[in-house]
N, C-alpha and C. Protein backbone atom coordinates (compact mmCIF):
# COMPACT_ATOMS: atom_id res chain seq x y z
N SER A 1 -3.81 -5.98 -15.70
CA SER A 1 -3.65 -4.71 -16.43
C SER A 1 -2.75 -3.76 -15.65
N TRP A 2 -2.34 -2.69 -16.31
CA TRP A 2 -1.45 -1.73 -15.66
C TRP A 2 -2.15 -1.06 -14.48
N GLU A 3 -3.45 -0.75 -14.64
CA GLU A 3 -4.17 -0.07 -13.56
C GLU A 3 -4.31 -0.96 -12.34
N SER A 4 -4.60 -2.23 -12.57
CA SER A 4 -4.74 -3.13 -11.42
C SER A 4 -3.39 -3.35 -10.76
N TYR A 5 -2.32 -3.32 -11.55
CA TYR A 5 -0.98 -3.46 -10.97
C TYR A 5 -0.68 -2.27 -10.06
N LEU A 6 -1.00 -1.07 -10.53
CA LEU A 6 -0.75 0.11 -9.71
C LEU A 6 -1.60 0.09 -8.45
N ALA A 7 -2.86 -0.31 -8.59
CA ALA A 7 -3.75 -0.35 -7.43
C ALA A 7 -3.24 -1.36 -6.41
N ASP A 8 -2.78 -2.52 -6.89
CA ASP A 8 -2.28 -3.55 -5.98
C ASP A 8 -1.00 -3.07 -5.30
N ARG A 9 -0.14 -2.41 -6.06
CA ARG A 9 1.11 -1.91 -5.47
C ARG A 9 0.80 -0.83 -4.43
N GLU A 10 -0.18 0.01 -4.73
CA GLU A 10 -0.55 1.06 -3.78
C GLU A 10 -1.09 0.44 -2.49
N LYS A 11 -1.91 -0.61 -2.66
CA LYS A 11 -2.50 -1.25 -1.48
C LYS A 11 -1.40 -1.90 -0.64
N ARG A 12 -0.46 -2.57 -1.32
CA ARG A 12 0.60 -3.22 -0.56
C ARG A 12 1.49 -2.20 0.14
N PHE A 13 1.74 -1.07 -0.51
CA PHE A 13 2.54 -0.02 0.11
C PHE A 13 1.83 0.51 1.36
N ALA A 14 0.51 0.66 1.27
CA ALA A 14 -0.25 1.14 2.42
C ALA A 14 -0.18 0.13 3.56
N ASP A 15 -0.28 -1.17 3.23
CA ASP A 15 -0.20 -2.20 4.26
C ASP A 15 1.16 -2.17 4.93
N VAL A 16 2.21 -2.05 4.15
CA VAL A 16 3.56 -2.01 4.71
C VAL A 16 3.74 -0.76 5.55
N SER A 17 3.21 0.36 5.10
CA SER A 17 3.36 1.61 5.84
C SER A 17 2.68 1.50 7.20
N GLU A 18 1.53 0.83 7.25
CA GLU A 18 0.84 0.68 8.52
C GLU A 18 1.66 -0.16 9.48
N GLU A 19 2.40 -1.14 8.95
CA GLU A 19 3.23 -1.97 9.81
C GLU A 19 4.45 -1.20 10.29
N VAL A 20 5.04 -0.41 9.39
CA VAL A 20 6.27 0.30 9.73
C VAL A 20 5.96 1.53 10.58
N PHE A 21 4.90 2.24 10.22
CA PHE A 21 4.52 3.45 10.95
C PHE A 21 3.11 3.30 11.50
N PRO A 22 2.92 2.51 12.55
CA PRO A 22 1.57 2.31 13.09
C PRO A 22 0.98 3.62 13.60
N GLY A 23 -0.26 3.88 13.20
CA GLY A 23 -0.95 5.07 13.66
C GLY A 23 -0.71 6.29 12.78
N LEU A 24 0.26 6.21 11.86
CA LEU A 24 0.56 7.37 11.04
C LEU A 24 -0.46 7.54 9.93
N PHE A 25 -0.99 6.41 9.43
CA PHE A 25 -1.95 6.49 8.33
C PHE A 25 -3.35 6.20 8.83
């Protein structure tokens, strides 16, 4: 569904952000 797609994209963005900016989030 659209909501699960957004939630998954948000989660993946958070995972990538933690890798790129460790300690920022």
